[in-house]
Amino acid sequence: LYSQGFVECYIHGNMLQQEAVQLVQELEADFLGKVQVLPSTQLPERRMIKLPKGTLHVKAYEQPNAESPNSAVLLYLQVGTSDLRKNQLCDLFVSMVESVLYTQLRTVEQLGYVVSTSVMVEENLYSIVIIVQGSAKPPLYMLA
């Protein structure tokens, strides 16, 4: 199918380090054993930008399957660079709103079959992420 590839893994949860290393080695053997390893100069570049305060940026993607009624919204709220107080406040905020959002968006408004709230740290930047996926309404409706 492809002539080149690479494997990148993030393993989180109930797995010992030795098990995680073994899993990655098995993935590499299964996938990379059949293709040429992508040179490091051609690996995807990871980039993160800090948005100005109050910025709203909407990125729309076409649904690959035009027949599918599904849509999704990912609301990504940048909080700022990571520090202990900010981290704790984000975790507290998510724990306070997670159940309320799920009840309101999934149960009451029935907007999606997936409603998720979490904290994400990437490149030392803390963010709160809310995802709603479903077929009841279009993405811009769910964003509002």
N, C-alpha and C. Protein backbone atom coordinates (compact mmCIF):
# COMPACT_ATOMS: atom_id res chain seq x y z
N LEU A 1 0.82 -1.19 0.00
CA LEU A 1 0.00 0.00 0.00
C LEU A 1 0.87 1.26 0.00
N TYR A 2 1.83 1.35 0.92
CA TYR A 2 2.75 2.49 0.99
C TYR A 2 4.18 1.97 0.88
N SER A 3 5.06 2.81 0.33
CA SER A 3 6.45 2.38 0.19
C SER A 3 7.30 2.85 1.37
N GLN A 4 6.83 3.89 2.10
CA GLN A 4 7.56 4.41 3.25
C GLN A 4 6.61 4.61 4.41
N GLY A 5 7.15 4.61 5.62
CA GLY A 5 6.30 4.84 6.78
C GLY A 5 7.12 5.03 8.04
N PHE A 6 6.43 5.36 9.12
CA PHE A 6 7.06 5.46 10.43
C PHE A 6 6.01 5.14 11.48
N VAL A 7 6.46 4.77 12.65
CA VAL A 7 5.57 4.45 13.76
C VAL A 7 5.88 5.41 14.90
N GLU A 8 4.84 6.06 15.41
CA GLU A 8 4.96 6.91 16.59
C GLU A 8 3.88 6.47 17.56
N CYS A 9 4.25 6.22 18.79
CA CYS A 9 3.29 5.69 19.75
C CYS A 9 3.26 6.53 21.02
N TYR A 10 2.07 6.65 21.58
CA TYR A 10 1.88 7.23 22.90
C TYR A 10 1.07 6.20 23.66
N ILE A 11 1.66 5.64 24.69
CA ILE A 11 0.99 4.59 25.44
C ILE A 11 0.72 5.11 26.85
N HIS A 12 -0.55 5.00 27.25
CA HIS A 12 -0.98 5.55 28.53
C HIS A 12 -1.91 4.54 29.18
N GLY A 13 -1.71 4.29 30.44
CA GLY A 13 -2.65 3.41 31.13
C GLY A 13 -1.96 2.25 31.80
N ASN A 14 -2.68 1.16 31.91
CA ASN A 14 -2.23 -0.01 32.66
C ASN A 14 -1.30 -0.88 31.82
N MET A 15 -0.08 -0.42 31.66
CA MET A 15 0.90 -1.18 30.91
C MET A 15 2.28 -0.89 31.48
N LEU A 16 3.03 -1.93 31.75
CA LEU A 16 4.40 -1.74 32.23
C LEU A 16 5.27 -1.24 31.10
N GLN A 17 6.38 -0.57 31.46
CA GLN A 17 7.28 -0.02 30.45
C GLN A 17 7.77 -1.12 29.50
N GLN A 18 8.11 -2.27 30.04
CA GLN A 18 8.60 -3.38 29.22
C GLN A 18 7.53 -3.84 28.23
N GLU A 19 6.27 -3.88 28.66
CA GLU A 19 5.17 -4.25 27.77
C GLU A 19 4.98 -3.21 26.67
N ALA A 20 5.12 -1.93 27.03
CA ALA A 20 4.97 -0.86 26.05
C ALA A 20 6.06 -0.94 25.00
N VAL A 21 7.28 -1.16 25.44
CA VAL A 21 8.41 -1.28 24.49
C VAL A 21 8.18 -2.47 23.57
N GLN A 22 7.73 -3.60 24.12
CA GLN A 22 7.47 -4.79 23.31
C GLN A 22 6.36 -4.52 22.28
N LEU A 23 5.32 -3.83 22.69
CA LEU A 23 4.23 -3.51 21.78
C LEU A 23 4.73 -2.65 20.61
N VAL A 24 5.53 -1.64 20.92
CA VAL A 24 6.07 -0.77 19.87
C VAL A 24 6.97 -1.58 18.93
N GLN A 25 7.78 -2.45 19.49
CA GLN A 25 8.66 -3.28 18.65
C GLN A 25 7.84 -4.18 17.72
N GLU A 26 6.73 -4.73 18.23
CA GLU A 26 5.87 -5.56 17.39
C GLU A 26 5.21 -4.74 16.29
N LEU A 27 4.75 -3.54 16.62
CA LEU A 27 4.16 -2.66 15.61
C LEU A 27 5.18 -2.31 14.53
N GLU A 28 6.39 -1.97 14.96
CA GLU A 28 7.43 -1.64 13.99
C GLU A 28 7.75 -2.83 13.10
N ALA A 29 7.81 -4.02 13.69
CA ALA A 29 8.12 -5.21 12.89
C ALA A 29 6.99 -5.50 11.90
N ASP A 30 5.74 -5.35 12.35
CA ASP A 30 4.60 -5.62 11.47
C ASP A 30 4.47 -4.61 10.34
N PHE A 31 4.61 -3.33 10.67
CA PHE A 31 4.38 -2.29 9.68
C PHE A 31 5.64 -1.89 8.93
N LEU A 32 6.71 -1.68 9.68
CA LEU A 32 7.93 -1.18 9.04
C LEU A 32 8.74 -2.30 8.41
N GLY A 33 8.42 -3.53 8.75
CA GLY A 33 9.11 -4.64 8.11
C GLY A 33 8.73 -4.77 6.64
N LYS A 34 7.65 -4.15 6.25
CA LYS A 34 7.15 -4.25 4.89
C LYS A 34 7.42 -3.01 4.06
N VAL A 35 7.91 -1.93 4.70
CA VAL A 35 8.15 -0.68 3.98
C VAL A 35 9.51 -0.10 4.39
N GLN A 36 9.95 0.87 3.63
CA GLN A 36 11.17 1.59 3.97
C GLN A 36 10.84 2.61 5.05
N VAL A 37 11.72 2.71 6.06
CA VAL A 37 11.49 3.67 7.14
C VAL A 37 11.65 5.08 6.59
N LEU A 38 10.71 5.93 6.91
CA LEU A 38 10.72 7.31 6.45
C LEU A 38 11.92 8.04 7.07
N PRO A 39 12.74 8.71 6.26
CA PRO A 39 13.89 9.44 6.81
C PRO A 39 13.43 10.52 7.79
N SER A 40 14.23 10.79 8.81
CA SER A 40 13.84 11.75 9.84
C SER A 40 13.58 13.14 9.26
N THR A 41 14.22 13.46 8.15
CA THR A 41 14.00 14.77 7.53
C THR A 41 12.62 14.88 6.90
N GLN A 42 11.93 13.74 6.71
CA GLN A 42 10.61 13.74 6.09
C GLN A 42 9.49 13.45 7.09
N LEU A 43 9.83 13.33 8.36
CA LEU A 43 8.80 13.10 9.37
C LEU A 43 7.92 14.34 9.49
N PRO A 44 6.64 14.16 9.81
CA PRO A 44 5.76 15.32 9.98
C PRO A 44 6.31 16.25 11.07
N GLU A 45 6.25 17.53 10.80
CA GLU A 45 6.72 18.51 11.77
C GLU A 45 5.60 18.82 12.75
N ARG A 46 5.93 18.75 14.03
CA ARG A 46 4.94 19.08 15.06
C ARG A 46 5.05 20.56 15.35
N ARG A 47 3.95 21.25 15.19
CA ARG A 47 3.94 22.69 15.42
C ARG A 47 2.78 23.06 16.32
N MET A 48 3.02 24.04 17.15
CA MET A 48 1.99 24.55 18.04
C MET A 48 2.16 26.06 18.08
N ILE A 49 1.08 26.78 17.89
CA ILE A 49 1.17 28.23 18.00
C ILE A 49 0.27 28.70 19.13
N LYS A 50 0.68 29.78 19.75
CA LYS A 50 -0.13 30.37 20.80
C LYS A 50 -1.05 31.40 20.13
N LEU A 51 -2.32 31.21 20.27
CA LEU A 51 -3.29 32.12 19.67
C LEU A 51 -3.43 33.37 20.54
N PRO A 52 -3.61 34.52 19.92
CA PRO A 52 -3.85 35.74 20.72
C PRO A 52 -5.12 35.58 21.56
N LYS A 53 -5.13 36.20 22.72
CA LYS A 53 -6.27 36.10 23.63
C LYS A 53 -7.55 36.53 22.93
N GLY A 54 -8.61 35.74 23.10
CA GLY A 54 -9.90 36.05 22.50
C GLY A 54 -10.06 35.61 21.06
N THR A 55 -9.06 34.92 20.51
CA THR A 55 -9.10 34.50 19.12
C THR A 55 -10.03 33.30 18.95
N LEU A 56 -10.84 33.33 17.92
CA LEU A 56 -11.66 32.18 17.54
C LEU A 56 -11.21 31.76 16.15
N HIS A 57 -10.79 30.53 16.03
CA HIS A 57 -10.34 30.01 14.74
C HIS A 57 -11.14 28.75 14.45
N VAL A 58 -11.81 28.73 13.32
CA VAL A 58 -12.59 27.56 12.93
C VAL A 58 -11.94 26.94 11.71
N LYS A 59 -11.61 25.67 11.80
CA LYS A 59 -11.03 24.92 10.69
C LYS A 59 -12.03 23.83 10.30
N ALA A 60 -12.56 23.93 9.11
CA ALA A 60 -13.57 22.96 8.65
C ALA A 60 -12.91 21.95 7.72
N TYR A 61 -13.30 20.70 7.86
CA TYR A 61 -12.83 19.62 7.00
C TYR A 61 -14.02 18.99 6.32
N GLU A 62 -13.87 18.62 5.09
CA GLU A 62 -14.93 17.92 4.37
C GLU A 62 -15.04 16.49 4.89
N GLN A 63 -16.25 16.02 5.03
CA GLN A 63 -16.49 14.64 5.40
C GLN A 63 -16.05 13.76 4.24
N PRO A 64 -15.12 12.81 4.44
CA PRO A 64 -14.64 11.98 3.33
C PRO A 64 -15.75 11.14 2.69
N ASN A 65 -16.76 10.79 3.48
CA ASN A 65 -17.86 9.99 2.96
C ASN A 65 -19.10 10.89 2.88
N ALA A 66 -19.42 11.34 1.69
CA ALA A 66 -20.54 12.27 1.50
C ALA A 66 -21.87 11.67 1.95
N GLU A 67 -21.97 10.36 1.99
CA GLU A 67 -23.21 9.68 2.41
C GLU A 67 -23.40 9.68 3.93
N SER A 68 -22.32 9.91 4.66
CA SER A 68 -22.37 9.82 6.11
C SER A 68 -23.02 11.07 6.71
N PRO A 69 -23.95 10.89 7.65
CA PRO A 69 -24.59 12.04 8.29
C PRO A 69 -23.78 12.56 9.48
N ASN A 70 -22.66 11.92 9.80
CA ASN A 70 -21.90 12.26 11.00
C ASN A 70 -21.11 13.55 10.84
N SER A 71 -20.94 14.23 11.94
CA SER A 71 -20.09 15.40 12.00
C SER A 71 -19.50 15.48 13.40
N ALA A 72 -18.52 16.35 13.55
CA ALA A 72 -17.88 16.48 14.86
C ALA A 72 -17.37 17.90 15.04
N VAL A 73 -17.28 18.29 16.30
CA VAL A 73 -16.70 19.57 16.67
C VAL A 73 -15.69 19.30 17.77
N LEU A 74 -14.50 19.87 17.60
CA LEU A 74 -13.48 19.80 18.62
C LEU A 74 -13.21 21.24 19.05
N LEU A 75 -13.57 21.56 20.27
CA LEU A 75 -13.35 22.89 20.82
C LEU A 75 -12.08 22.82 21.66
N TYR A 76 -11.09 23.59 21.23
CA TYR A 76 -9.77 23.53 21.83
C TYR A 76 -9.51 24.88 22.49
N LEU A 77 -9.53 24.93 23.81
CA LEU A 77 -9.36 26.17 24.55
C LEU A 77 -7.95 26.24 25.12
N GLN A 78 -7.10 27.06 24.51
CA GLN A 78 -5.74 27.20 25.02
C GLN A 78 -5.77 27.98 26.32
N VAL A 79 -5.12 27.43 27.33
CA VAL A 79 -5.08 28.08 28.64
C VAL A 79 -3.75 28.80 28.84
N GLY A 80 -2.70 28.28 28.29
CA GLY A 80 -1.38 28.91 28.40
C GLY A 80 -0.32 27.90 28.77
N THR A 81 0.87 28.41 29.00
CA THR A 81 1.97 27.51 29.32
C THR A 81 1.72 26.83 30.66
N SER A 82 2.25 25.64 30.75
CA SER A 82 1.99 24.78 31.90
C SER A 82 2.70 25.28 33.16
N ASP A 83 1.95 25.37 34.24
CA ASP A 83 2.51 25.56 35.58
C ASP A 83 1.57 24.85 36.56
N LEU A 84 2.05 24.58 37.74
CA LEU A 84 1.31 23.75 38.69
C LEU A 84 -0.08 24.30 38.99
N ARG A 85 -0.20 25.59 39.25
CA ARG A 85 -1.51 26.17 39.59
C ARG A 85 -2.48 26.06 38.42
N LYS A 86 -2.01 26.43 37.23
CA LYS A 86 -2.86 26.38 36.04
C LYS A 86 -3.29 24.93 35.74
N ASN A 87 -2.36 24.01 35.90
CA ASN A 87 -2.67 22.60 35.67
C ASN A 87 -3.78 22.12 36.59
N GLN A 88 -3.67 22.48 37.86
CA GLN A 88 -4.67 22.06 38.83
C GLN A 88 -6.02 22.72 38.56
N LEU A 89 -6.01 23.99 38.17
CA LEU A 89 -7.27 24.67 37.86
C LEU A 89 -7.95 24.05 36.63
N CYS A 90 -7.16 23.70 35.63
CA CYS A 90 -7.74 23.05 34.43
C CYS A 90 -8.35 21.71 34.80
N ASP A 91 -7.61 20.92 35.57
CA ASP A 91 -8.13 19.61 35.99
C ASP A 91 -9.41 19.77 36.81
N LEU A 92 -9.43 20.75 37.70
CA LEU A 92 -10.61 21.01 38.51
C LEU A 92 -11.79 21.44 37.64
N PHE A 93 -11.54 22.35 36.70
CA PHE A 93 -12.59 22.82 35.80
C PHE A 93 -13.19 21.67 35.01
N VAL A 94 -12.34 20.83 34.44
CA VAL A 94 -12.83 19.69 33.65
C VAL A 94 -13.65 18.75 34.52
N SER A 95 -13.17 18.48 35.73
CA SER A 95 -13.93 17.57 36.60
C SER A 95 -15.28 18.16 36.98
N MET A 96 -15.38 19.51 37.04
CA MET A 96 -16.65 20.15 37.39
C MET A 96 -17.64 20.18 36.23
N VAL A 97 -17.16 20.35 35.00
CA VAL A 97 -18.08 20.52 33.86
C VAL A 97 -18.30 19.26 33.04
N GLU A 98 -17.45 18.25 33.22
CA GLU A 98 -17.54 17.05 32.40
C GLU A 98 -18.92 16.41 32.44
N SER A 99 -19.43 16.17 33.62
CA SER A 99 -20.73 15.52 33.78
C SER A 99 -21.86 16.42 33.29
N VAL A 100 -21.76 17.73 33.58
CA VAL A 100 -22.79 18.68 33.17
C VAL A 100 -22.86 18.76 31.64
N LEU A 101 -21.70 18.87 30.99
CA LEU A 101 -21.68 18.93 29.52
C LEU A 101 -22.24 17.65 28.91
N TYR A 102 -21.82 16.52 29.46
CA TYR A 102 -22.30 15.24 28.94
C TYR A 102 -23.82 15.16 29.05
N THR A 103 -24.35 15.50 30.22
CA THR A 103 -25.80 15.44 30.43
C THR A 103 -26.53 16.39 29.50
N GLN A 104 -26.05 17.63 29.42
CA GLN A 104 -26.73 18.63 28.60
C GLN A 104 -26.64 18.32 27.11
N LEU A 105 -25.42 18.07 26.62
CA LEU A 105 -25.21 17.92 25.18
C LEU A 105 -25.64 16.55 24.65
N ARG A 106 -25.42 15.51 25.43
CA ARG A 106 -25.76 14.17 24.93
C ARG A 106 -27.16 13.74 25.31
N THR A 107 -27.51 13.93 26.57
CA THR A 107 -28.79 13.43 27.06
C THR A 107 -29.94 14.38 26.76
N VAL A 108 -29.78 15.66 27.12
CA VAL A 108 -30.87 16.62 26.95
C VAL A 108 -31.02 17.05 25.49
N GLU A 109 -29.95 17.61 24.91
CA GLU A 109 -30.03 18.12 23.54
C GLU A 109 -29.81 17.04 22.48
N GLN A 110 -29.29 15.89 22.90
CA GLN A 110 -29.04 14.75 22.01
C GLN A 110 -28.24 15.17 20.77
N LEU A 111 -27.17 15.95 21.01
CA LEU A 111 -26.35 16.44 19.91
C LEU A 111 -25.37 15.39 19.38
N GLY A 112 -24.97 14.47 20.24
CA GLY A 112 -23.98 13.52 19.77
C GLY A 112 -23.94 12.26 20.58
N TYR A 113 -23.38 11.24 19.97
CA TYR A 113 -23.20 9.99 20.69
C TYR A 113 -21.83 9.96 21.35
N VAL A 114 -20.96 10.92 21.01
CA VAL A 114 -19.69 11.10 21.72
C VAL A 114 -19.66 12.52 22.25
N VAL A 115 -19.52 12.65 23.56
CA VAL A 115 -19.32 13.94 24.21
C VAL A 115 -18.19 13.73 25.20
N SER A 116 -17.10 14.46 24.99
CA SER A 116 -15.89 14.23 25.79
C SER A 116 -15.29 15.56 26.21
N THR A 117 -14.79 15.60 27.43
CA THR A 117 -14.10 16.78 27.95
C THR A 117 -12.80 16.30 28.58
N SER A 118 -11.70 16.97 28.25
CA SER A 118 -10.42 16.55 28.80
C SER A 118 -9.43 17.70 28.83
N VAL A 119 -8.31 17.45 29.50
CA VAL A 119 -7.20 18.39 29.53
C VAL A 119 -6.10 17.81 28.67
N MET A 120 -5.45 18.67 27.88
CA MET A 120 -4.37 18.20 27.02
C MET A 120 -3.16 19.10 27.21
N VAL A 121 -1.99 18.48 27.31
CA VAL A 121 -0.74 19.22 27.38
C VAL A 121 0.07 18.84 26.16
N GLU A 122 0.42 19.83 25.38
CA GLU A 122 1.22 19.58 24.20
C GLU A 122 2.21 20.72 24.05
N GLU A 123 3.48 20.37 23.89
CA GLU A 123 4.54 21.38 23.76
C GLU A 123 4.49 22.38 24.91
N ASN A 124 4.25 21.88 26.13
CA ASN A 124 4.19 22.69 27.35
C ASN A 124 3.05 23.71 27.34
N LEU A 125 2.04 23.48 26.50
CA LEU A 125 0.89 24.37 26.42
C LEU A 125 -0.34 23.61 26.91
N TYR A 126 -0.98 24.13 27.94
CA TYR A 126 -2.15 23.49 28.52
C TYR A 126 -3.41 23.93 27.80
N SER A 127 -4.31 22.99 27.53
CA SER A 127 -5.57 23.28 26.84
C SER A 127 -6.68 22.42 27.41
N ILE A 128 -7.90 22.94 27.29
CA ILE A 128 -9.10 22.17 27.63
C ILE A 128 -9.74 21.81 26.30
N VAL A 129 -10.07 20.54 26.12
CA VAL A 129 -10.61 20.04 24.86
C VAL A 129 -12.00 19.47 25.09
N ILE A 130 -12.95 19.93 24.27
CA ILE A 130 -14.32 19.42 24.32
C ILE A 130 -14.65 18.89 22.93
N ILE A 131 -15.11 17.64 22.86
CA ILE A 131 -15.43 17.00 21.58
C ILE A 131 -16.89 16.57 21.60
N VAL A 132 -17.61 16.91 20.53
CA VAL A 132 -18.98 16.44 20.34
C VAL A 132 -19.04 15.85 18.94
N GLN A 133 -19.44 14.59 18.87
CA GLN A 133 -19.55 13.90 17.58
C GLN A 133 -20.91 13.26 17.48
N GLY A 134 -21.58 13.48 16.36
CA GLY A 134 -22.89 12.89 16.19
C GLY A 134 -23.46 13.16 14.81
N SER A 135 -24.72 12.83 14.64
CA SER A 135 -25.37 13.01 13.34
C SER A 135 -26.63 13.86 13.44
N ALA A 136 -26.94 14.36 14.62
CA ALA A 136 -28.20 15.09 14.80
C ALA A 136 -28.17 16.50 14.21
N LYS A 137 -27.03 17.17 14.31
CA LYS A 137 -26.92 18.56 13.88
C LYS A 137 -25.60 18.78 13.15
N PRO A 138 -25.52 19.82 12.30
CA PRO A 138 -24.26 20.13 11.64
C PRO A 138 -23.24 20.72 12.62
N PRO A 139 -21.95 20.67 12.28
CA PRO A 139 -20.90 21.10 13.21
C PRO A 139 -21.05 22.54 13.71
N LEU A 140 -21.40 23.48 12.84
CA LEU A 140 -21.50 24.87 13.29
C LEU A 140 -22.63 25.05 14.29
N TYR A 141 -23.68 24.25 14.21
CA TYR A 141 -24.74 24.29 15.21
C TYR A 141 -24.19 23.80 16.55
N MET A 142 -23.43 22.70 16.49
CA MET A 142 -22.88 22.14 17.74
C MET A 142 -21.86 23.08 18.35
N LEU A 143 -21.13 23.82 17.54
CA LEU A 143 -20.14 24.77 18.05
C LEU A 143 -20.80 25.90 18.82
N ALA A 144 -21.99 26.31 18.38
CA ALA A 144 -22.69 27.40 19.05
C ALA A 144 -23.16 26.95 20.41
